[in-house]
Amino acid sequence: MTAITTWPSRAEMWLDDHGRGAWIAAMVLGFIFFWPAGLAILFYMIWGKKMFGTKSIARTGLHGTSGNSAFDAYKADTLKRLEDEQQAFDDFLRRLREAKDKTEFDAFMDERARRRREDASGRD
């Protein structure tokens, strides 16, 4: 291969070695000096998944493994504890809404009974 055909792959490797910031800088410079080059780099970053690095949390997800069993066990315990706390909080909110609804309903029924008594005493 000649130097002309290998420079794009060498440039890609250099940008990969320097991270997402180098890709973004290359894209911005491409837009400044020759906008189709910046647009091409942007499309390559999106479709080539260069914008989202391999070490991204979004790529591994919350339930992915880190490779460290102690950390994975800690993470699993923490997530379980947080899920339990979320459930307890949801239950608390449900009970609070039910209590509020019951109080409002009881007040409505008391007001209705009071009006009926007033109407009945006003007719007599």
PDB file of N, CA and C in Angstrom:
ATOM      1  N   MET A   1       0.835  -1.181   0.000  1.00  0.00           N
ATOM      2  CA  MET A   1       0.000   0.000   0.000  1.00  0.00           C
ATOM      3  C   MET A   1       0.875   1.239   0.000  1.00  0.00           C
ATOM      4  N   THR A   2       0.375   2.236  -0.643  1.00  0.00           N
ATOM      5  CA  THR A   2       1.126   3.484  -0.703  1.00  0.00           C
ATOM      6  C   THR A   2       0.729   4.382   0.452  1.00  0.00           C
ATOM      7  N   ALA A   3       1.520   5.418   0.596  1.00  0.00           N
ATOM      8  CA  ALA A   3       1.251   6.358   1.689  1.00  0.00           C
ATOM      9  C   ALA A   3      -0.081   7.072   1.502  1.00  0.00           C
ATOM     10  N   ILE A   4      -0.493   7.250   0.250  1.00  0.00           N
ATOM     11  CA  ILE A   4      -1.754   7.939  -0.027  1.00  0.00           C
ATOM     12  C   ILE A   4      -2.943   7.096   0.429  1.00  0.00           C
ATOM     13  N   THR A   5      -2.863   5.817   0.274  1.00  0.00           N
ATOM     14  CA  THR A   5      -3.995   4.963   0.657  1.00  0.00           C
ATOM     15  C   THR A   5      -4.012   4.631   2.147  1.00  0.00           C
ATOM     16  N   THR A   6      -2.909   4.788   2.842  1.00  0.00           N
ATOM     17  CA  THR A   6      -2.887   4.432   4.259  1.00  0.00           C
ATOM     18  C   THR A   6      -3.095   5.620   5.183  1.00  0.00           C
ATOM     19  N   TRP A   7      -3.021   6.856   4.685  1.00  0.00           N
ATOM     20  CA  TRP A   7      -3.145   7.995   5.596  1.00  0.00           C
ATOM     21  C   TRP A   7      -4.524   8.079   6.257  1.00  0.00           C
ATOM     22  N   PRO A   8      -5.632   7.718   5.584  1.00  0.00           N
ATOM     23  CA  PRO A   8      -6.901   7.787   6.321  1.00  0.00           C
ATOM     24  C   PRO A   8      -6.953   6.825   7.515  1.00  0.00           C
ATOM     25  N   SER A   9      -6.429   5.624   7.325  1.00  0.00           N
ATOM     26  CA  SER A   9      -6.455   4.674   8.442  1.00  0.00           C
ATOM     27  C   SER A   9      -5.492   5.108   9.548  1.00  0.00           C
ATOM     28  N   ARG A  10      -4.367   5.700   9.173  1.00  0.00           N
ATOM     29  CA  ARG A  10      -3.441   6.207  10.189  1.00  0.00           C
ATOM     30  C   ARG A  10      -4.063   7.385  10.940  1.00  0.00           C
ATOM     31  N   ALA A  11      -4.768   8.260  10.207  1.00  0.00           N
ATOM     32  CA  ALA A  11      -5.441   9.396  10.859  1.00  0.00           C
ATOM     33  C   ALA A  11      -6.526   8.901  11.807  1.00  0.00           C
ATOM     34  N   GLU A  12      -7.278   7.888  11.375  1.00  0.00           N
ATOM     35  CA  GLU A  12      -8.325   7.318  12.232  1.00  0.00           C
ATOM     36  C   GLU A  12      -7.716   6.726  13.501  1.00  0.00           C
ATOM     37  N   MET A  13      -6.632   5.982  13.363  1.00  0.00           N
ATOM     38  CA  MET A  13      -5.976   5.393  14.541  1.00  0.00           C
ATOM     39  C   MET A  13      -5.461   6.484  15.476  1.00  0.00           C
ATOM     40  N   TRP A  14      -4.895   7.555  14.910  1.00  0.00           N
ATOM     41  CA  TRP A  14      -4.389   8.648  15.731  1.00  0.00           C
ATOM     42  C   TRP A  14      -5.534   9.302  16.497  1.00  0.00           C
ATOM     43  N   LEU A  15      -6.655   9.565  15.813  1.00  0.00           N
ATOM     44  CA  LEU A  15      -7.810  10.170  16.471  1.00  0.00           C
ATOM     45  C   LEU A  15      -8.371   9.239  17.549  1.00  0.00           C
ATOM     46  N   ASP A  16      -8.423   7.931  17.261  1.00  0.00           N
ATOM     47  CA  ASP A  16      -8.894   6.966  18.258  1.00  0.00           C
ATOM     48  C   ASP A  16      -7.999   6.976  19.494  1.00  0.00           C
ATOM     49  N   ASP A  17      -6.684   7.061  19.275  1.00  0.00           N
ATOM     50  CA  ASP A  17      -5.750   7.083  20.402  1.00  0.00           C
ATOM     51  C   ASP A  17      -5.931   8.315  21.279  1.00  0.00           C
ATOM     52  N   HIS A  18      -6.373   9.421  20.688  1.00  0.00           N
ATOM     53  CA  HIS A  18      -6.508  10.675  21.426  1.00  0.00           C
ATOM     54  C   HIS A  18      -7.928  10.924  21.924  1.00  0.00           C
ATOM     55  N   GLY A  19      -8.839  10.020  21.629  1.00  0.00           N
ATOM     56  CA  GLY A  19     -10.168  10.071  22.223  1.00  0.00           C
ATOM     57  C   GLY A  19     -11.191  10.909  21.488  1.00  0.00           C
ATOM     58  N   ARG A  20     -12.341  11.021  22.144  1.00  0.00           N
ATOM     59  CA  ARG A  20     -13.501  11.705  21.563  1.00  0.00           C
ATOM     60  C   ARG A  20     -13.213  13.180  21.300  1.00  0.00           C
ATOM     61  N   GLY A  21     -12.438  13.819  22.166  1.00  0.00           N
ATOM     62  CA  GLY A  21     -12.105  15.240  21.983  1.00  0.00           C
ATOM     63  C   GLY A  21     -11.370  15.488  20.679  1.00  0.00           C
ATOM     64  N   ALA A  22     -10.486  14.570  20.292  1.00  0.00           N
ATOM     65  CA  ALA A  22      -9.760  14.716  19.027  1.00  0.00           C
ATOM     66  C   ALA A  22     -10.715  14.594  17.852  1.00  0.00           C
ATOM     67  N   TRP A  23     -11.670  13.680  17.951  1.00  0.00           N
ATOM     68  CA  TRP A  23     -12.666  13.537  16.881  1.00  0.00           C
ATOM     69  C   TRP A  23     -13.497  14.802  16.753  1.00  0.00           C
ATOM     70  N   ILE A  24     -13.909  15.359  17.872  1.00  0.00           N
ATOM     71  CA  ILE A  24     -14.724  16.579  17.845  1.00  0.00           C
ATOM     72  C   ILE A  24     -13.907  17.742  17.299  1.00  0.00           C
ATOM     73  N   ALA A  25     -12.645  17.853  17.711  1.00  0.00           N
ATOM     74  CA  ALA A  25     -11.781  18.916  17.189  1.00  0.00           C
ATOM     75  C   ALA A  25     -11.601  18.769  15.681  1.00  0.00           C
ATOM     76  N   ALA A  26     -11.405  17.545  15.214  1.00  0.00           N
ATOM     77  CA  ALA A  26     -11.260  17.319  13.771  1.00  0.00           C
ATOM     78  C   ALA A  26     -12.532  17.714  13.027  1.00  0.00           C
ATOM     79  N   MET A  27     -13.677  17.411  13.622  1.00  0.00           N
ATOM     80  CA  MET A  27     -14.943  17.770  12.991  1.00  0.00           C
ATOM     81  C   MET A  27     -15.099  19.289  12.922  1.00  0.00           C
ATOM     82  N   VAL A  28     -14.799  19.980  14.023  1.00  0.00           N
ATOM     83  CA  VAL A  28     -14.928  21.448  14.049  1.00  0.00           C
ATOM     84  C   VAL A  28     -13.969  22.079  13.040  1.00  0.00           C
ATOM     85  N   LEU A  29     -12.736  21.618  13.024  1.00  0.00           N
ATOM     86  CA  LEU A  29     -11.779  22.150  12.053  1.00  0.00           C
ATOM     87  C   LEU A  29     -12.233  21.855  10.626  1.00  0.00           C
ATOM     88  N   GLY A  30     -12.802  20.691  10.417  1.00  0.00           N
ATOM     89  CA  GLY A  30     -13.332  20.380   9.096  1.00  0.00           C
ATOM     90  C   GLY A  30     -14.427  21.341   8.688  1.00  0.00           C
ATOM     91  N   PHE A  31     -15.323  21.688   9.624  1.00  0.00           N
ATOM     92  CA  PHE A  31     -16.378  22.666   9.318  1.00  0.00           C
ATOM     93  C   PHE A  31     -15.786  24.046   9.041  1.00  0.00           C
ATOM     94  N   ILE A  32     -14.739  24.407   9.772  1.00  0.00           N
ATOM     95  CA  ILE A  32     -14.146  25.740   9.597  1.00  0.00           C
ATOM     96  C   ILE A  32     -13.457  25.855   8.242  1.00  0.00           C
ATOM     97  N   PHE A  33     -12.636  24.869   7.897  1.00  0.00           N
ATOM     98  CA  PHE A  33     -11.833  24.982   6.684  1.00  0.00           C
ATOM     99  C   PHE A  33     -12.548  24.503   5.422  1.00  0.00           C
ATOM    100  N   PHE A  34     -13.364  23.465   5.526  1.00  0.00           N
ATOM    101  CA  PHE A  34     -14.060  22.935   4.350  1.00  0.00           C
ATOM    102  C   PHE A  34     -15.273  22.178   4.873  1.00  0.00           C
ATOM    103  N   TRP A  35     -16.444  22.835   4.849  1.00  0.00           N
ATOM    104  CA  TRP A  35     -17.610  22.299   5.540  1.00  0.00           C
ATOM    105  C   TRP A  35     -17.998  20.885   5.122  1.00  0.00           C
ATOM    106  N   PRO A  36     -17.818  20.452   3.854  1.00  0.00           N
ATOM    107  CA  PRO A  36     -18.166  19.054   3.556  1.00  0.00           C
ATOM    108  C   PRO A  36     -17.290  18.044   4.318  1.00  0.00           C
ATOM    109  N   ALA A  37     -16.043  18.428   4.599  1.00  0.00           N
ATOM    110  CA  ALA A  37     -15.176  17.531   5.369  1.00  0.00           C
ATOM    111  C   ALA A  37     -15.685  17.413   6.806  1.00  0.00           C
ATOM    112  N   GLY A  38     -16.096  18.524   7.397  1.00  0.00           N
ATOM    113  CA  GLY A  38     -16.655  18.487   8.747  1.00  0.00           C
ATOM    114  C   GLY A  38     -17.922  17.666   8.799  1.00  0.00           C
ATOM    115  N   LEU A  39     -18.762  17.814   7.777  1.00  0.00           N
ATOM    116  CA  LEU A  39     -19.992  17.037   7.708  1.00  0.00           C
ATOM    117  C   LEU A  39     -19.688  15.547   7.550  1.00  0.00           C
ATOM    118  N   ALA A  40     -18.701  15.224   6.729  1.00  0.00           N
ATOM    119  CA  ALA A  40     -18.314  13.819   6.542  1.00  0.00           C
ATOM    120  C   ALA A  40     -17.807  13.217   7.850  1.00  0.00           C
ATOM    121  N   ILE A  41     -16.997  13.985   8.583  1.00  0.00           N
ATOM    122  CA  ILE A  41     -16.484  13.483   9.860  1.00  0.00           C
ATOM    123  C   ILE A  41     -17.627  13.296  10.855  1.00  0.00           C
ATOM    124  N   LEU A  42     -18.582  14.234  10.871  1.00  0.00           N
ATOM    125  CA  LEU A  42     -19.738  14.105  11.763  1.00  0.00           C
ATOM    126  C   LEU A  42     -20.520  12.833  11.452  1.00  0.00           C
ATOM    127  N   PHE A  43     -20.811  12.604  10.177  1.00  0.00           N
ATOM    128  CA  PHE A  43     -21.538  11.386   9.804  1.00  0.00           C
ATOM    129  C   PHE A  43     -20.741  10.136  10.147  1.00  0.00           C
ATOM    130  N   TYR A  44     -19.439  10.175   9.934  1.00  0.00           N
ATOM    131  CA  TYR A  44     -18.608   9.020  10.267  1.00  0.00           C
ATOM    132  C   TYR A  44     -18.624   8.762  11.773  1.00  0.00           C
ATOM    133  N   MET A  45     -18.601   9.865  12.563  1.00  0.00           N
ATOM    134  CA  MET A  45     -18.622   9.708  14.014  1.00  0.00           C
ATOM    135  C   MET A  45     -19.942   9.082  14.468  1.00  0.00           C
ATOM    136  N   ILE A  46     -21.035   9.520  13.859  1.00  0.00           N
ATOM    137  CA  ILE A  46     -22.342   8.998  14.264  1.00  0.00           C
ATOM    138  C   ILE A  46     -22.513   7.561  13.813  1.00  0.00           C
ATOM    139  N   TRP A  47     -22.305   7.311  12.531  1.00  0.00           N
ATOM    140  CA  TRP A  47     -22.554   5.971  12.015  1.00  0.00           C
ATOM    141  C   TRP A  47     -21.420   5.006  12.323  1.00  0.00           C
ATOM    142  N   GLY A  48     -20.230   5.508  12.537  1.00  0.00           N
ATOM    143  CA  GLY A  48     -19.116   4.655  12.911  1.00  0.00           C
ATOM    144  C   GLY A  48     -19.027   4.473  14.409  1.00  0.00           C
ATOM    145  N   LYS A  49     -19.989   5.071  15.138  1.00  0.00           N
ATOM    146  CA  LYS A  49     -20.077   4.989  16.597  1.00  0.00           C
ATOM    147  C   LYS A  49     -18.833   5.542  17.295  1.00  0.00           C
ATOM    148  N   LYS A  50     -18.168   6.483  16.645  1.00  0.00           N
ATOM    149  CA  LYS A  50     -17.007   7.096  17.282  1.00  0.00           C
ATOM    150  C   LYS A  50     -17.430   8.103  18.346  1.00  0.00           C
ATOM    151  N   MET A  51     -18.649   8.620  18.221  1.00  0.00           N
ATOM    152  CA  MET A  51     -19.114   9.591  19.190  1.00  0.00           C
ATOM    153  C   MET A  51     -19.357   8.934  20.545  1.00  0.00           C
ATOM    154  N   PHE A  52     -19.665   7.665  20.534  1.00  0.00           N
ATOM    155  CA  PHE A  52     -19.961   6.943  21.762  1.00  0.00           C
ATOM    156  C   PHE A  52     -18.850   5.927  21.975  1.00  0.00           C
ATOM    157  N   GLY A  53     -17.882   6.283  22.794  1.00  0.00           N
ATOM    158  CA  GLY A  53     -16.711   5.442  23.002  1.00  0.00           C
ATOM    159  C   GLY A  53     -17.035   4.101  23.621  1.00  0.00           C
ATOM    160  N   THR A  54     -16.087   3.182  23.541  1.00  0.00           N
ATOM    161  CA  THR A  54     -16.314   1.829  24.036  1.00  0.00           C
ATOM    162  C   THR A  54     -16.364   1.770  25.560  1.00  0.00           C
ATOM    163  N   LYS A  55     -15.849   2.781  26.233  1.00  0.00           N
ATOM    164  CA  LYS A  55     -15.861   2.784  27.693  1.00  0.00           C
ATOM    165  C   LYS A  55     -17.067   3.526  28.250  1.00  0.00           C
ATOM    166  N   SER A  56     -17.998   3.855  27.401  1.00  0.00           N
ATOM    167  CA  SER A  56     -19.173   4.617  27.813  1.00  0.00           C
ATOM    168  C   SER A  56     -20.087   3.788  28.703  1.00  0.00           C
ATOM    169  N   ILE A  57     -20.686   4.430  29.705  1.00  0.00           N
ATOM    170  CA  ILE A  57     -21.651   3.761  30.569  1.00  0.00           C
ATOM    171  C   ILE A  57     -22.880   3.380  29.776  1.00  0.00           C
ATOM    172  N   ALA A  58     -23.246   4.230  28.819  1.00  0.00           N
ATOM    173  CA  ALA A  58     -24.428   3.941  28.007  1.00  0.00           C
ATOM    174  C   ALA A  58     -24.246   2.648  27.218  1.00  0.00           C
ATOM    175  N   ARG A  59     -23.041   2.349  26.817  1.00  0.00           N
ATOM    176  CA  ARG A  59     -22.799   1.137  26.044  1.00  0.00           C
ATOM    177  C   ARG A  59     -22.844  -0.102  26.924  1.00  0.00           C
ATOM    178  N   THR A  60     -22.264  -0.035  28.122  1.00  0.00           N
ATOM    179  CA  THR A  60     -22.254  -1.214  28.988  1.00  0.00           C
ATOM    180  C   THR A  60     -23.562  -1.357  29.749  1.00  0.00           C
ATOM    181  N   GLY A  61     -24.222  -0.262  30.027  1.00  0.00           N
ATOM    182  CA  GLY A  61     -25.495  -0.312  30.738  1.00  0.00           C
ATOM    183  C   GLY A  61     -25.292  -0.484  32.228  1.00  0.00           C
ATOM    184  N   LEU A  62     -26.383  -0.354  32.969  1.00  0.00           N
ATOM    185  CA  LEU A  62     -26.299  -0.487  34.423  1.00  0.00           C
ATOM    186  C   LEU A  62     -26.043  -1.917  34.852  1.00  0.00           C
ATOM    187  N   HIS A  63     -26.498  -2.877  34.061  1.00  0.00           N
ATOM    188  CA  HIS A  63     -26.397  -4.267  34.483  1.00  0.00           C
ATOM    189  C   HIS A  63     -25.239  -4.996  33.815  1.00  0.00           C
ATOM    190  N   GLY A  64     -24.364  -4.286  33.114  1.00  0.00           N
ATOM    191  CA  GLY A  64     -23.192  -4.907  32.524  1.00  0.00           C
ATOM    192  C   GLY A  64     -22.158  -5.201  33.596  1.00  0.00           C
ATOM    193  N   THR A  65     -21.214  -6.036  33.269  1.00  0.00           N
ATOM    194  CA  THR A  65     -20.176  -6.364  34.245  1.00  0.00           C
ATOM    195  C   THR A  65     -18.953  -5.502  34.000  1.00  0.00           C
ATOM    196  N   SER A  66     -18.252  -5.207  35.067  1.00  0.00           N
ATOM    197  CA  SER A  66     -17.048  -4.393  34.963  1.00  0.00           C
ATOM    198  C   SER A  66     -15.800  -5.264  34.836  1.00  0.00           C
ATOM    199  N   GLY A  67     -15.927  -6.539  35.128  1.00  0.00           N
ATOM    200  CA  GLY A  67     -14.767  -7.418  35.135  1.00  0.00           C
ATOM    201  C   GLY A  67     -14.209  -7.616  36.532  1.00  0.00           C
ATOM    202  N   ASN A  68     -14.636  -6.815  37.486  1.00  0.00           N
ATOM    203  CA  ASN A  68     -14.187  -6.923  38.867  1.00  0.00           C
ATOM    204  C   ASN A  68     -15.348  -7.502  39.673  1.00  0.00           C
ATOM    205  N   SER A  69     -15.203  -8.723  40.144  1.00  0.00           N
ATOM    206  CA  SER A  69     -16.315  -9.402  40.805  1.00  0.00           C
ATOM    207  C   SER A  69     -16.728  -8.721  42.109  1.00  0.00           C
ATOM    208  N   ALA A  70     -15.777  -8.171  42.851  1.00  0.00           N
ATOM    209  CA  ALA A  70     -16.115  -7.488  44.105  1.00  0.00           C
ATOM    210  C   ALA A  70     -16.949  -6.246  43.813  1.00  0.00           C
ATOM    211  N   PHE A  71     -16.546  -5.478  42.800  1.00  0.00           N
ATOM    212  CA  PHE A  71     -17.311  -4.287  42.440  1.00  0.00           C
ATOM    213  C   PHE A  71     -18.681  -4.668  41.900  1.00  0.00           C
ATOM    214  N   ASP A  72     -18.746  -5.714  41.082  1.00  0.00           N
ATOM    215  CA  ASP A  72     -20.030  -6.154  40.537  1.00  0.00           C
ATOM    216  C   ASP A  72     -20.982  -6.588  41.648  1.00  0.00           C
ATOM    217  N   ALA A  73     -20.467  -7.265  42.680  1.00  0.00           N
ATOM    218  CA  ALA A  73     -21.302  -7.674  43.817  1.00  0.00           C
ATOM    219  C   ALA A  73     -21.786  -6.448  44.585  1.00  0.00           C
ATOM    220  N   TYR A  74     -20.894  -5.488  44.801  1.00  0.00           N
ATOM    221  CA  TYR A  74     -21.264  -4.246  45.486  1.00  0.00           C
ATOM    222  C   TYR A  74     -22.324  -3.509  44.684  1.00  0.00           C
ATOM    223  N   LYS A  75     -22.138  -3.427  43.365  1.00  0.00           N
ATOM    224  CA  LYS A  75     -23.087  -2.724  42.507  1.00  0.00           C
ATOM    225  C   LYS A  75     -24.446  -3.413  42.544  1.00  0.00           C
ATOM    226  N   ALA A  76     -24.458  -4.743  42.505  1.00  0.00           N
ATOM    227  CA  ALA A  76     -25.717  -5.489  42.549  1.00  0.00           C
ATOM    228  C   ALA A  76     -26.442  -5.257  43.877  1.00  0.00           C
ATOM    229  N   ASP A  77     -25.687  -5.279  44.989  1.00  0.00           N
ATOM    230  CA  ASP A  77     -26.291  -5.027  46.307  1.00  0.00           C
ATOM    231  C   ASP A  77     -26.850  -3.605  46.393  1.00  0.00           C
ATOM    232  N   THR A  78     -26.094  -2.645  45.881  1.00  0.00           N
ATOM    233  CA  THR A  78     -26.540  -1.254  45.914  1.00  0.00           C
ATOM    234  C   THR A  78     -27.786  -1.054  45.066  1.00  0.00           C
ATOM    235  N   LEU A  79     -27.799  -1.634  43.873  1.00  0.00           N
ATOM    236  CA  LEU A  79     -28.982  -1.519  43.017  1.00  0.00           C
ATOM    237  C   LEU A  79     -30.198  -2.174  43.664  1.00  0.00           C
ATOM    238  N   LYS A  80     -30.005  -3.326  44.306  1.00  0.00           N
ATOM    239  CA  LYS A  80     -31.108  -4.002  44.993  1.00  0.00           C
ATOM    240  C   LYS A  80     -31.635  -3.140  46.136  1.00  0.00           C
ATOM    241  N   ARG A  81     -30.717  -2.551  46.904  1.00  0.00           N
ATOM    242  CA  ARG A  81     -31.123  -1.682  48.012  1.00  0.00           C
ATOM    243  C   ARG A  81     -31.895  -0.472  47.492  1.00  0.00           C
ATOM    244  N   LEU A  82     -31.423   0.123  46.409  1.00  0.00           N
ATOM    245  CA  LEU A  82     -32.114   1.279  45.842  1.00  0.00           C
ATOM    246  C   LEU A  82     -33.491   0.905  45.302  1.00  0.00           C
ATOM    247  N   GLU A  83     -33.595  -0.267  44.689  1.00  0.00           N
ATOM    248  CA  GLU A  83     -34.903  -0.726  44.209  1.00  0.00           C
ATOM    249  C   GLU A  83     -35.862  -0.950  45.377  1.00  0.00           C
ATOM    250  N   ASP A  84     -35.361  -1.510  46.480  1.00  0.00           N
ATOM    251  CA  ASP A  84     -36.196  -1.720  47.662  1.00  0.00           C
ATOM    252  C   ASP A  84     -36.649  -0.381  48.253  1.00  0.00           C
ATOM    253  N   GLU A  85     -35.724   0.575  48.324  1.00  0.00           N
ATOM    254  CA  GLU A  85     -36.078   1.900  48.832  1.00  0.00           C
ATOM    255  C   GLU A  85     -37.097   2.577  47.920  1.00  0.00           C
ATOM    256  N   GLN A  86     -36.943   2.422  46.609  1.00  0.00           N
ATOM    257  CA  GLN A  86     -37.900   2.995  45.668  1.00  0.00           C
ATOM    258  C   GLN A  86     -39.287   2.388  45.871  1.00  0.00           C
ATOM    259  N   GLN A  87     -39.342   1.080  46.071  1.00  0.00           N
ATOM    260  CA  GLN A  87     -40.622   0.404  46.307  1.00  0.00           C
ATOM    261  C   GLN A  87     -41.257   0.878  47.604  1.00  0.00           C
ATOM    262  N   ALA A  88     -40.448   1.008  48.653  1.00  0.00           N
ATOM    263  CA  ALA A  88     -40.970   1.486  49.939  1.00  0.00           C
ATOM    264  C   ALA A  88     -41.495   2.916  49.810  1.00  0.00           C
ATOM    265  N   PHE A  89     -40.782   3.742  49.071  1.00  0.00           N
ATOM    266  CA  PHE A  89     -41.225   5.121  48.872  1.00  0.00           C
ATOM    267  C   PHE A  89     -42.512   5.170  48.050  1.00  0.00           C
ATOM    268  N   ASP A  90     -42.607   4.343  47.015  1.00  0.00           N
ATOM    269  CA  ASP A  90     -43.838   4.278  46.218  1.00  0.00           C
ATOM    270  C   ASP A  90     -45.015   3.830  47.083  1.00  0.00           C
ATOM    271  N   ASP A  91     -44.779   2.848  47.950  1.00  0.00           N
ATOM    272  CA  ASP A  91     -45.837   2.394  48.870  1.00  0.00           C
ATOM    273  C   ASP A  91     -46.253   3.515  49.824  1.00  0.00           C
ATOM    274  N   PHE A  92     -45.277   4.257  50.337  1.00  0.00           N
ATOM    275  CA  PHE A  92     -45.565   5.388  51.220  1.00  0.00           C
ATOM    276  C   PHE A  92     -46.421   6.431  50.504  1.00  0.00           C
ATOM    277  N   LEU A  93     -46.036   6.772  49.265  1.00  0.00           N
ATOM    278  CA  LEU A  93     -46.810   7.749  48.505  1.00  0.00           C
ATOM    279  C   LEU A  93     -48.231   7.252  48.240  1.00  0.00           C
ATOM    280  N   ARG A  94     -48.377   5.964  47.957  1.00  0.00           N
ATOM    281  CA  ARG A  94     -49.706   5.392  47.721  1.00  0.00           C
ATOM    282  C   ARG A  94     -50.569   5.515  48.976  1.00  0.00           C
ATOM    283  N   ARG A  95     -49.983   5.153  50.150  1.00  0.00           N
ATOM    284  CA  ARG A  95     -50.731   5.264  51.402  1.00  0.00           C
ATOM    285  C   ARG A  95     -51.080   6.723  51.706  1.00  0.00           C
ATOM    286  N   LEU A  96     -50.158   7.629  51.413  1.00  0.00           N
ATOM    287  CA  LEU A  96     -50.403   9.049  51.639  1.00  0.00           C
ATOM    288  C   LEU A  96     -51.549   9.552  50.757  1.00  0.00           C
ATOM    289  N   ARG A  97     -51.563   9.153  49.485  1.00  0.00           N
ATOM    290  CA  ARG A  97     -52.658   9.549  48.593  1.00  0.00           C
ATOM    291  C   ARG A  97     -53.986   8.966  49.058  1.00  0.00           C
ATOM    292  N   GLU A  98     -53.959   7.695  49.488  1.00  0.00           N
ATOM    293  CA  GLU A  98     -55.188   7.076  49.984  1.00  0.00           C
ATOM    294  C   GLU A  98     -55.719   7.801  51.212  1.00  0.00           C
ATOM    295  N   ALA A  99     -54.831   8.172  52.117  1.00  0.00           N
ATOM    296  CA  ALA A  99     -55.255   8.888  53.318  1.00  0.00           C
ATOM    297  C   ALA A  99     -55.826  10.256  52.952  1.00  0.00           C
ATOM    298  N   LYS A 100     -55.186  10.937  52.029  1.00  0.00           N
ATOM    299  CA  LYS A 100     -55.683  12.246  51.596  1.00  0.00           C
ATOM    300  C   LYS A 100     -57.042  12.100  50.919  1.00  0.00           C
ATOM    301  N   ASP A 101     -57.172  11.105  50.052  1.00  0.00           N
ATOM    302  CA  ASP A 101     -58.455  10.869  49.380  1.00  0.00           C
ATOM    303  C   ASP A 101     -59.553  10.574  50.396  1.00  0.00           C
ATOM    304  N   LYS A 102     -59.227   9.743  51.396  1.00  0.00           N
ATOM    305  CA  LYS A 102     -60.228   9.391  52.418  1.00  0.00           C
ATOM    306  C   LYS A 102     -60.631  10.625  53.208  1.00  0.00           C
ATOM    307  N   THR A 103     -59.670  11.464  53.572  1.00  0.00           N
ATOM    308  CA  THR A 103     -59.968  12.688  54.319  1.00  0.00           C
ATOM    309  C   THR A 103     -60.868  13.608  53.492  1.00  0.00           C
ATOM    310  N   GLU A 104     -60.533  13.770  52.202  1.00  0.00           N
ATOM    311  CA  GLU A 104     -61.352  14.628  51.345  1.00  0.00           C
ATOM    312  C   GLU A 104     -62.755  14.049  51.167  1.00  0.00           C
ATOM    313  N   PHE A 105     -62.847  12.737  51.011  1.00  0.00           N
ATOM    314  CA  PHE A 105     -64.158  12.104  50.853  1.00  0.00           C
ATOM    315  C   PHE A 105     -64.994  12.244  52.119  1.00  0.00           C
ATOM    316  N   ASP A 106     -64.359  12.021  53.269  1.00  0.00           N
ATOM    317  CA  ASP A 106     -65.074  12.171  54.539  1.00  0.00           C
ATOM    318  C   ASP A 106     -65.561  13.607  54.718  1.00  0.00           C
ATOM    319  N   ALA A 107     -64.731  14.581  54.353  1.00  0.00           N
ATOM    320  CA  ALA A 107     -65.144  15.983  54.452  1.00  0.00           C
ATOM    321  C   ALA A 107     -66.314  16.256  53.516  1.00  0.00           C
ATOM    322  N   PHE A 108     -66.279  15.702  52.312  1.00  0.00           N
ATOM    323  CA  PHE A 108     -67.395  15.861  51.375  1.00  0.00           C
ATOM    324  C   PHE A 108     -68.677  15.267  51.946  1.00  0.00           C
ATOM    325  N   MET A 109     -68.585  14.059  52.492  1.00  0.00           N
ATOM    326  CA  MET A 109     -69.769  13.403  53.045  1.00  0.00           C
ATOM    327  C   MET A 109     -70.314  14.171  54.255  1.00  0.00           C
ATOM    328  N   ASP A 110     -69.424  14.696  55.118  1.00  0.00           N
ATOM    329  CA  ASP A 110     -69.866  15.493  56.256  1.00  0.00           C
ATOM    330  C   ASP A 110     -70.570  16.763  55.788  1.00  0.00           C
ATOM    331  N   GLU A 111     -70.014  17.433  54.783  1.00  0.00           N
ATOM    332  CA  GLU A 111     -70.626  18.639  54.231  1.00  0.00           C
ATOM    333  C   GLU A 111     -71.987  18.330  53.626  1.00  0.00           C
ATOM    334  N   ARG A 112     -72.076  17.215  52.924  1.00  0.00           N
ATOM    335  CA  ARG A 112     -73.343  16.799  52.307  1.00  0.00           C
ATOM    336  C   ARG A 112     -74.397  16.510  53.383  1.00  0.00           C
ATOM    337  N   ALA A 113     -73.992  15.808  54.432  1.00  0.00           N
ATOM    338  CA  ALA A 113     -74.925  15.508  55.529  1.00  0.00           C
ATOM    339  C   ALA A 113     -75.355  16.792  56.227  1.00  0.00           C
ATOM    340  N   ARG A 114     -74.428  17.732  56.409  1.00  0.00           N
ATOM    341  CA  ARG A 114     -74.761  19.009  57.044  1.00  0.00           C
ATOM    342  C   ARG A 114     -75.781  19.777  56.192  1.00  0.00           C
ATOM    343  N   ARG A 115     -75.599  19.793  54.865  1.00  0.00           N
ATOM    344  CA  ARG A 115     -76.542  20.479  53.985  1.00  0.00           C
ATOM    345  C   ARG A 115     -77.932  19.831  54.036  1.00  0.00           C
ATOM    346  N   ARG A 116     -77.954  18.500  54.085  1.00  0.00           N
ATOM    347  CA  ARG A 116     -79.246  17.803  54.171  1.00  0.00           C
ATOM    348  C   ARG A 116     -79.969  18.153  55.469  1.00  0.00           C
ATOM    349  N   ARG A 117     -79.202  18.203  56.583  1.00  0.00           N
ATOM    350  CA  ARG A 117     -79.816  18.575  57.865  1.00  0.00           C
ATOM    351  C   ARG A 117     -80.340  19.998  57.814  1.00  0.00           C
ATOM    352  N   GLU A 118     -79.559  20.915  57.204  1.00  0.00           N
ATOM    353  CA  GLU A 118     -79.999  22.299  57.086  1.00  0.00           C
ATOM    354  C   GLU A 118     -81.239  22.411  56.201  1.00  0.00           C
ATOM    355  N   ASP A 119     -81.229  21.663  55.084  1.00  0.00           N
ATOM    356  CA  ASP A 119     -82.390  21.687  54.184  1.00  0.00           C
ATOM    357  C   ASP A 119     -83.621  21.108  54.890  1.00  0.00           C
ATOM    358  N   ALA A 120     -83.436  20.042  55.636  1.00  0.00           N
ATOM    359  CA  ALA A 120     -84.542  19.412  56.345  1.00  0.00           C
ATOM    360  C   ALA A 120     -85.071  20.335  57.438  1.00  0.00           C
ATOM    361  N   SER A 121     -84.180  21.029  58.154  1.00  0.00           N
ATOM    362  CA  SER A 121     -84.634  21.930  59.214  1.00  0.00           C
ATOM    363  C   SER A 121     -85.216  23.213  58.630  1.00  0.00           C
ATOM    364  N   GLY A 122     -84.812  23.600  57.443  1.00  0.00           N
ATOM    365  CA  GLY A 122     -85.349  24.792  56.793  1.00  0.00           C
ATOM    366  C   GLY A 122     -86.727  24.576  56.237  1.00  0.00           C
ATOM    367  N   ARG A 123     -87.074  23.356  55.864  1.00  0.00           N
ATOM    368  CA  ARG A 123     -88.397  23.026  55.347  1.00  0.00           C
ATOM    369  C   ARG A 123     -89.424  22.951  56.452  1.00  0.00           C
ATOM    370  N   ASP A 124     -88.992  22.589  57.621  1.00  0.00           N
ATOM    371  CA  ASP A 124     -89.938  22.426  58.749  1.00  0.00           C
ATOM    372  C   ASP A 124     -90.390  23.715  59.295  1.00  0.00           C
TER     373      ASP A 124
END
